[in-house]
Amino acid sequence: MSAYLIVKSLHVLCAALTLVSFTTRGIWMWRESPLLQQRWVRIVPHIVDTVLLGSAAVLTVITHQYPGPAAWLNAKIAGLLAYVALGMIALRRGRPMRVRRAAFFAALCVFAYIVLVARTRQPLPFLE
């Protein structure tokens, strides 16, 4: 198997783990579960996300597709920033639950957008 396929597979796996982790923590947030306070719940998502970003960086080098000229990659990065911001609003205490739930659903929509952009390599995949 080529280095590209190995790194891409790792990237896709980490993206799936990120989605599962975020969704699980969102459900626990709604239920006000004490599981959210466990140490591993605060650490593991950061490790997965670090590997996800690292594999993304390696993929840009392997494929020679860098932000700037590749509009779809710029869209993916913008989506990532929106996803992170919405995720922070959704999972941090201190905001009304309705705001946190709205941010959670918005973050899931942005995640879906990022996946669509990655699969189609189009910055506006729903217009194609």
N, C-alpha and C. Protein backbone atom coordinates (compact mmCIF):
# COMPACT_ATOMS: atom_id res chain seq x y z
N MET A 1 0.85 -1.18 0.00
CA MET A 1 0.00 0.00 0.00
C MET A 1 0.90 1.24 0.00
N SER A 2 0.51 2.24 -0.77
CA SER A 2 1.32 3.46 -0.88
C SER A 2 1.21 4.32 0.38
N ALA A 3 2.19 5.19 0.55
CA ALA A 3 2.18 6.10 1.71
C ALA A 3 0.93 6.97 1.67
N TYR A 4 0.54 7.39 0.48
CA TYR A 4 -0.65 8.23 0.35
C TYR A 4 -1.88 7.51 0.89
N LEU A 5 -2.08 6.26 0.50
CA LEU A 5 -3.27 5.52 0.95
C LEU A 5 -3.25 5.27 2.45
N ILE A 6 -2.07 5.04 2.99
CA ILE A 6 -1.96 4.83 4.45
C ILE A 6 -2.34 6.11 5.19
N VAL A 7 -1.78 7.23 4.76
CA VAL A 7 -2.06 8.51 5.44
C VAL A 7 -3.51 8.91 5.23
N LYS A 8 -4.03 8.71 4.03
CA LYS A 8 -5.43 9.04 3.76
C LYS A 8 -6.36 8.18 4.63
N SER A 9 -6.05 6.90 4.75
CA SER A 9 -6.86 6.01 5.59
C SER A 9 -6.82 6.46 7.05
N LEU A 10 -5.65 6.83 7.52
CA LEU A 10 -5.52 7.34 8.89
C LEU A 10 -6.35 8.62 9.05
N HIS A 11 -6.29 9.49 8.07
CA HIS A 11 -7.04 10.75 8.11
C HIS A 11 -8.55 10.49 8.17
N VAL A 12 -9.03 9.59 7.33
CA VAL A 12 -10.46 9.27 7.31
C VAL A 12 -10.88 8.61 8.62
N LEU A 13 -10.04 7.71 9.14
CA LEU A 13 -10.34 7.07 10.42
C LEU A 13 -10.44 8.10 11.54
N CYS A 14 -9.48 9.02 11.58
CA CYS A 14 -9.51 10.05 12.62
C CYS A 14 -10.71 10.98 12.47
N ALA A 15 -11.10 11.27 11.22
CA ALA A 15 -12.30 12.09 11.01
C ALA A 15 -13.54 11.38 11.56
N ALA A 16 -13.63 10.07 11.31
CA ALA A 16 -14.77 9.30 11.83
C ALA A 16 -14.74 9.26 13.36
N LEU A 17 -13.55 9.07 13.94
CA LEU A 17 -13.43 9.06 15.40
C LEU A 17 -13.79 10.43 16.00
N THR A 18 -13.42 11.49 15.30
CA THR A 18 -13.76 12.84 15.75
C THR A 18 -15.27 13.02 15.78
N LEU A 19 -15.94 12.56 14.72
CA LEU A 19 -17.40 12.68 14.66
C LEU A 19 -18.06 11.88 15.77
N VAL A 20 -17.62 10.66 15.98
CA VAL A 20 -18.18 9.81 17.04
C VAL A 20 -17.95 10.45 18.41
N SER A 21 -16.75 10.95 18.62
CA SER A 21 -16.41 11.58 19.90
C SER A 21 -17.26 12.82 20.14
N PHE A 22 -17.37 13.67 19.14
CA PHE A 22 -18.15 14.90 19.29
C PHE A 22 -19.62 14.59 19.52
N THR A 23 -20.16 13.65 18.77
CA THR A 23 -21.58 13.28 18.93
C THR A 23 -21.83 12.70 20.31
N THR A 24 -20.95 11.83 20.76
CA THR A 24 -21.09 11.23 22.09
C THR A 24 -21.05 12.30 23.18
N ARG A 25 -20.08 13.20 23.09
CA ARG A 25 -19.99 14.27 24.09
C ARG A 25 -21.20 15.20 24.02
N GLY A 26 -21.75 15.41 22.83
CA GLY A 26 -22.95 16.22 22.69
C GLY A 26 -24.15 15.58 23.38
N ILE A 27 -24.30 14.29 23.21
CA ILE A 27 -25.39 13.56 23.88
C ILE A 27 -25.20 13.62 25.40
N TRP A 28 -23.98 13.42 25.84
CA TRP A 28 -23.70 13.51 27.28
C TRP A 28 -23.98 14.92 27.80
N MET A 29 -23.71 15.92 26.98
CA MET A 29 -23.98 17.31 27.38
C MET A 29 -25.48 17.50 27.61
N TRP A 30 -26.31 16.99 26.69
CA TRP A 30 -27.75 17.11 26.84
C TRP A 30 -28.24 16.44 28.12
N ARG A 31 -27.66 15.29 28.40
CA ARG A 31 -28.07 14.52 29.58
C ARG A 31 -27.40 15.01 30.85
N GLU A 32 -26.51 15.99 30.71
CA GLU A 32 -25.73 16.50 31.83
C GLU A 32 -25.02 15.36 32.55
N SER A 33 -24.43 14.50 31.77
CA SER A 33 -23.77 13.30 32.29
C SER A 33 -22.45 13.65 32.97
N PRO A 34 -22.18 13.02 34.09
CA PRO A 34 -20.89 13.22 34.76
C PRO A 34 -19.73 12.62 33.96
N LEU A 35 -20.03 11.80 32.94
CA LEU A 35 -18.98 11.23 32.11
C LEU A 35 -18.15 12.31 31.41
N LEU A 36 -18.78 13.46 31.15
CA LEU A 36 -18.06 14.56 30.51
C LEU A 36 -16.90 15.07 31.34
N GLN A 37 -16.93 14.82 32.62
CA GLN A 37 -15.89 15.34 33.51
C GLN A 37 -14.72 14.38 33.68
N GLN A 38 -14.83 13.19 33.09
CA GLN A 38 -13.73 12.24 33.22
C GLN A 38 -12.51 12.73 32.43
N ARG A 39 -11.36 12.45 32.98
CA ARG A 39 -10.11 12.94 32.40
C ARG A 39 -9.91 12.47 30.96
N TRP A 40 -10.15 11.19 30.69
CA TRP A 40 -9.92 10.66 29.36
C TRP A 40 -10.82 11.30 28.32
N VAL A 41 -12.01 11.72 28.72
CA VAL A 41 -12.96 12.35 27.80
C VAL A 41 -12.43 13.72 27.37
N ARG A 42 -11.66 14.35 28.22
CA ARG A 42 -11.08 15.66 27.88
C ARG A 42 -9.77 15.52 27.11
N ILE A 43 -9.10 14.36 27.19
CA ILE A 43 -7.78 14.20 26.57
C ILE A 43 -7.85 13.50 25.21
N VAL A 44 -8.56 12.39 25.14
CA VAL A 44 -8.57 11.57 23.91
C VAL A 44 -9.00 12.36 22.67
N PRO A 45 -10.06 13.18 22.72
CA PRO A 45 -10.42 13.93 21.50
C PRO A 45 -9.29 14.83 20.99
N HIS A 46 -8.51 15.39 21.89
CA HIS A 46 -7.39 16.24 21.47
C HIS A 46 -6.31 15.43 20.77
N ILE A 47 -6.08 14.22 21.24
CA ILE A 47 -5.10 13.36 20.60
C ILE A 47 -5.58 12.99 19.19
N VAL A 48 -6.83 12.57 19.08
CA VAL A 48 -7.39 12.20 17.78
C VAL A 48 -7.34 13.39 16.82
N ASP A 49 -7.73 14.57 17.30
CA ASP A 49 -7.74 15.75 16.44
C ASP A 49 -6.33 16.16 16.02
N THR A 50 -5.35 15.96 16.89
CA THR A 50 -3.96 16.26 16.54
C THR A 50 -3.48 15.33 15.43
N VAL A 51 -3.80 14.04 15.55
CA VAL A 51 -3.44 13.09 14.49
C VAL A 51 -4.18 13.43 13.19
N LEU A 52 -5.44 13.83 13.30
CA LEU A 52 -6.23 14.23 12.13
C LEU A 52 -5.57 15.41 11.41
N LEU A 53 -5.19 16.43 12.16
CA LEU A 53 -4.55 17.60 11.55
C LEU A 53 -3.16 17.26 11.01
N GLY A 54 -2.43 16.43 11.73
CA GLY A 54 -1.11 16.02 11.25
C GLY A 54 -1.20 15.23 9.96
N SER A 55 -2.16 14.33 9.88
CA SER A 55 -2.32 13.56 8.64
C SER A 55 -2.77 14.46 7.50
N ALA A 56 -3.56 15.49 7.80
CA ALA A 56 -3.97 16.45 6.76
C ALA A 56 -2.75 17.20 6.23
N ALA A 57 -1.86 17.58 7.12
CA ALA A 57 -0.65 18.28 6.70
C ALA A 57 0.21 17.38 5.83
N VAL A 58 0.35 16.12 6.21
CA VAL A 58 1.15 15.18 5.42
C VAL A 58 0.50 14.97 4.05
N LEU A 59 -0.82 14.89 4.00
CA LEU A 59 -1.50 14.71 2.72
C LEU A 59 -1.27 15.91 1.80
N THR A 60 -1.25 17.12 2.35
CA THR A 60 -1.00 18.28 1.49
C THR A 60 0.40 18.22 0.89
N VAL A 61 1.35 17.73 1.65
CA VAL A 61 2.72 17.62 1.14
C VAL A 61 2.80 16.51 0.08
N ILE A 62 2.21 15.37 0.37
CA ILE A 62 2.26 14.24 -0.56
C ILE A 62 1.59 14.60 -1.89
N THR A 63 0.44 15.28 -1.83
CA THR A 63 -0.33 15.57 -3.04
C THR A 63 0.05 16.90 -3.69
N HIS A 64 0.85 17.69 -3.00
CA HIS A 64 1.25 19.02 -3.50
C HIS A 64 0.04 19.92 -3.72
N GLN A 65 -0.98 19.75 -2.90
CA GLN A 65 -2.16 20.61 -2.96
C GLN A 65 -2.18 21.43 -1.67
N TYR A 66 -1.81 22.69 -1.82
CA TYR A 66 -1.66 23.55 -0.66
C TYR A 66 -2.79 24.57 -0.61
N PRO A 67 -3.10 25.06 0.60
CA PRO A 67 -4.09 26.14 0.71
C PRO A 67 -3.63 27.32 -0.13
N GLY A 68 -4.56 28.01 -0.69
CA GLY A 68 -4.25 29.13 -1.59
C GLY A 68 -4.74 28.78 -2.97
N PRO A 69 -3.92 28.03 -3.74
CA PRO A 69 -4.36 27.68 -5.08
C PRO A 69 -5.53 26.69 -5.11
N ALA A 70 -5.62 25.81 -4.13
CA ALA A 70 -6.70 24.81 -4.10
C ALA A 70 -7.89 25.39 -3.33
N ALA A 71 -8.88 25.89 -4.07
CA ALA A 71 -10.04 26.52 -3.44
C ALA A 71 -10.79 25.56 -2.52
N TRP A 72 -10.86 24.30 -2.91
CA TRP A 72 -11.57 23.33 -2.07
C TRP A 72 -10.87 23.14 -0.74
N LEU A 73 -9.54 23.22 -0.74
CA LEU A 73 -8.79 23.08 0.51
C LEU A 73 -9.00 24.30 1.41
N ASN A 74 -9.07 25.47 0.82
CA ASN A 74 -9.38 26.68 1.58
C ASN A 74 -10.76 26.57 2.23
N ALA A 75 -11.72 26.05 1.47
CA ALA A 75 -13.08 25.87 2.00
C ALA A 75 -13.07 24.87 3.15
N LYS A 76 -12.29 23.83 3.01
CA LYS A 76 -12.20 22.82 4.07
C LYS A 76 -11.61 23.42 5.34
N ILE A 77 -10.58 24.23 5.19
CA ILE A 77 -9.96 24.88 6.36
C ILE A 77 -10.93 25.86 7.01
N ALA A 78 -11.64 26.64 6.20
CA ALA A 78 -12.64 27.56 6.75
C ALA A 78 -13.73 26.79 7.49
N GLY A 79 -14.14 25.67 6.92
CA GLY A 79 -15.12 24.81 7.60
C GLY A 79 -14.59 24.28 8.91
N LEU A 80 -13.33 23.89 8.91
CA LEU A 80 -12.71 23.39 10.14
C LEU A 80 -12.73 24.45 11.24
N LEU A 81 -12.38 25.68 10.88
CA LEU A 81 -12.39 26.76 11.87
C LEU A 81 -13.80 27.00 12.42
N ALA A 82 -14.79 26.95 11.54
CA ALA A 82 -16.18 27.11 11.98
C ALA A 82 -16.60 25.95 12.88
N TYR A 83 -16.20 24.73 12.50
CA TYR A 83 -16.53 23.55 13.30
C TYR A 83 -15.93 23.64 14.70
N VAL A 84 -14.69 24.05 14.78
CA VAL A 84 -14.02 24.18 16.08
C VAL A 84 -14.73 25.23 16.94
N ALA A 85 -15.04 26.38 16.35
CA ALA A 85 -15.70 27.45 17.11
C ALA A 85 -17.07 26.99 17.60
N LEU A 86 -17.84 26.36 16.73
CA LEU A 86 -19.17 25.87 17.14
C LEU A 86 -19.07 24.76 18.17
N GLY A 87 -18.06 23.90 18.01
CA GLY A 87 -17.86 22.83 18.98
C GLY A 87 -17.51 23.36 20.36
N MET A 88 -16.72 24.42 20.39
CA MET A 88 -16.38 25.03 21.68
C MET A 88 -17.63 25.61 22.35
N ILE A 89 -18.47 26.24 21.57
CA ILE A 89 -19.71 26.80 22.12
C ILE A 89 -20.61 25.66 22.62
N ALA A 90 -20.68 24.59 21.84
CA ALA A 90 -21.59 23.49 22.17
C ALA A 90 -21.17 22.73 23.42
N LEU A 91 -19.89 22.53 23.61
CA LEU A 91 -19.45 21.62 24.68
C LEU A 91 -18.94 22.29 25.94
N ARG A 92 -18.82 23.59 25.92
CA ARG A 92 -18.36 24.28 27.13
C ARG A 92 -19.55 24.76 27.94
N ARG A 93 -19.41 24.63 29.23
CA ARG A 93 -20.47 25.09 30.14
C ARG A 93 -20.52 26.61 30.15
N GLY A 94 -21.61 27.14 30.69
CA GLY A 94 -21.70 28.58 30.87
C GLY A 94 -22.66 29.26 29.90
N ARG A 95 -23.09 28.54 28.89
CA ARG A 95 -24.05 29.12 27.94
C ARG A 95 -25.39 28.42 28.15
N PRO A 96 -26.48 29.08 27.77
CA PRO A 96 -27.79 28.42 27.88
C PRO A 96 -27.82 27.14 27.04
N MET A 97 -28.55 26.15 27.51
CA MET A 97 -28.60 24.85 26.83
C MET A 97 -29.12 24.99 25.40
N ARG A 98 -30.06 25.88 25.14
CA ARG A 98 -30.57 26.02 23.78
C ARG A 98 -29.50 26.55 22.84
N VAL A 99 -28.63 27.41 23.32
CA VAL A 99 -27.51 27.92 22.51
C VAL A 99 -26.52 26.79 22.25
N ARG A 100 -26.25 26.01 23.27
CA ARG A 100 -25.31 24.90 23.12
C ARG A 100 -25.85 23.85 22.15
N ARG A 101 -27.14 23.57 22.22
CA ARG A 101 -27.73 22.60 21.30
C ARG A 101 -27.72 23.11 19.87
N ALA A 102 -28.03 24.38 19.68
CA ALA A 102 -28.00 24.97 18.34
C ALA A 102 -26.58 24.91 17.77
N ALA A 103 -25.60 25.22 18.60
CA ALA A 103 -24.20 25.16 18.16
C ALA A 103 -23.80 23.72 17.83
N PHE A 104 -24.31 22.78 18.60
CA PHE A 104 -24.01 21.37 18.35
C PHE A 104 -24.53 20.95 16.98
N PHE A 105 -25.79 21.25 16.68
CA PHE A 105 -26.36 20.89 15.38
C PHE A 105 -25.67 21.63 14.24
N ALA A 106 -25.34 22.88 14.46
CA ALA A 106 -24.63 23.65 13.44
C ALA A 106 -23.25 23.04 13.19
N ALA A 107 -22.58 22.61 14.24
CA ALA A 107 -21.26 21.98 14.09
C ALA A 107 -21.37 20.69 13.29
N LEU A 108 -22.42 19.91 13.53
CA LEU A 108 -22.62 18.68 12.75
C LEU A 108 -22.85 19.00 11.27
N CYS A 109 -23.60 20.06 11.00
CA CYS A 109 -23.82 20.48 9.61
C CYS A 109 -22.51 20.91 8.95
N VAL A 110 -21.70 21.64 9.68
CA VAL A 110 -20.41 22.08 9.14
C VAL A 110 -19.51 20.87 8.91
N PHE A 111 -19.56 19.90 9.81
CA PHE A 111 -18.77 18.68 9.63
C PHE A 111 -19.18 17.97 8.34
N ALA A 112 -20.49 17.89 8.10
CA ALA A 112 -20.99 17.27 6.86
C ALA A 112 -20.49 18.04 5.65
N TYR A 113 -20.49 19.37 5.74
CA TYR A 113 -19.97 20.20 4.65
C TYR A 113 -18.50 19.89 4.39
N ILE A 114 -17.71 19.77 5.44
CA ILE A 114 -16.28 19.48 5.29
C ILE A 114 -16.09 18.14 4.57
N VAL A 115 -16.88 17.15 4.95
CA VAL A 115 -16.79 15.83 4.31
C VAL A 115 -17.17 15.93 2.83
N LEU A 116 -18.24 16.66 2.53
CA LEU A 116 -18.65 16.84 1.13
C LEU A 116 -17.56 17.52 0.31
N VAL A 117 -16.96 18.55 0.89
CA VAL A 117 -15.88 19.26 0.19
C VAL A 117 -14.71 18.30 -0.05
N ALA A 118 -14.37 17.51 0.94
CA ALA A 118 -13.25 16.57 0.80
C ALA A 118 -13.54 15.53 -0.28
N ARG A 119 -14.77 15.06 -0.33
CA ARG A 119 -15.11 14.01 -1.30
C ARG A 119 -15.22 14.53 -2.73
N THR A 120 -15.75 15.75 -2.88
CA THR A 120 -15.98 16.28 -4.22
C THR A 120 -14.84 17.18 -4.71
N ARG A 121 -14.04 17.67 -3.76
CA ARG A 121 -12.98 18.65 -4.05
C ARG A 121 -13.56 19.89 -4.74
N GLN A 122 -14.74 20.26 -4.28
CA GLN A 122 -15.43 21.47 -4.73
C GLN A 122 -15.78 22.30 -3.51
N PRO A 123 -15.48 23.62 -3.52
CA PRO A 123 -15.78 24.44 -2.35
C PRO A 123 -17.29 24.60 -2.08
N LEU A 124 -18.10 24.46 -3.12
CA LEU A 124 -19.56 24.51 -2.98
C LEU A 124 -20.15 23.22 -3.54
N PRO A 125 -19.98 22.11 -2.84
CA PRO A 125 -20.35 20.80 -3.41
C PRO A 125 -21.85 20.64 -3.65
N PHE A 126 -22.66 21.39 -2.95
CA PHE A 126 -24.10 21.26 -3.10
C PHE A 126 -24.63 22.02 -4.32
N LEU A 127 -23.78 22.81 -4.99
CA LEU A 127 -24.17 23.53 -6.20
C LEU A 127 -23.74 22.81 -7.46
N GLU A 128 -22.96 21.76 -7.32
CA GLU A 128 -22.43 21.05 -8.48
C GLU A 128 -23.43 20.04 -8.98
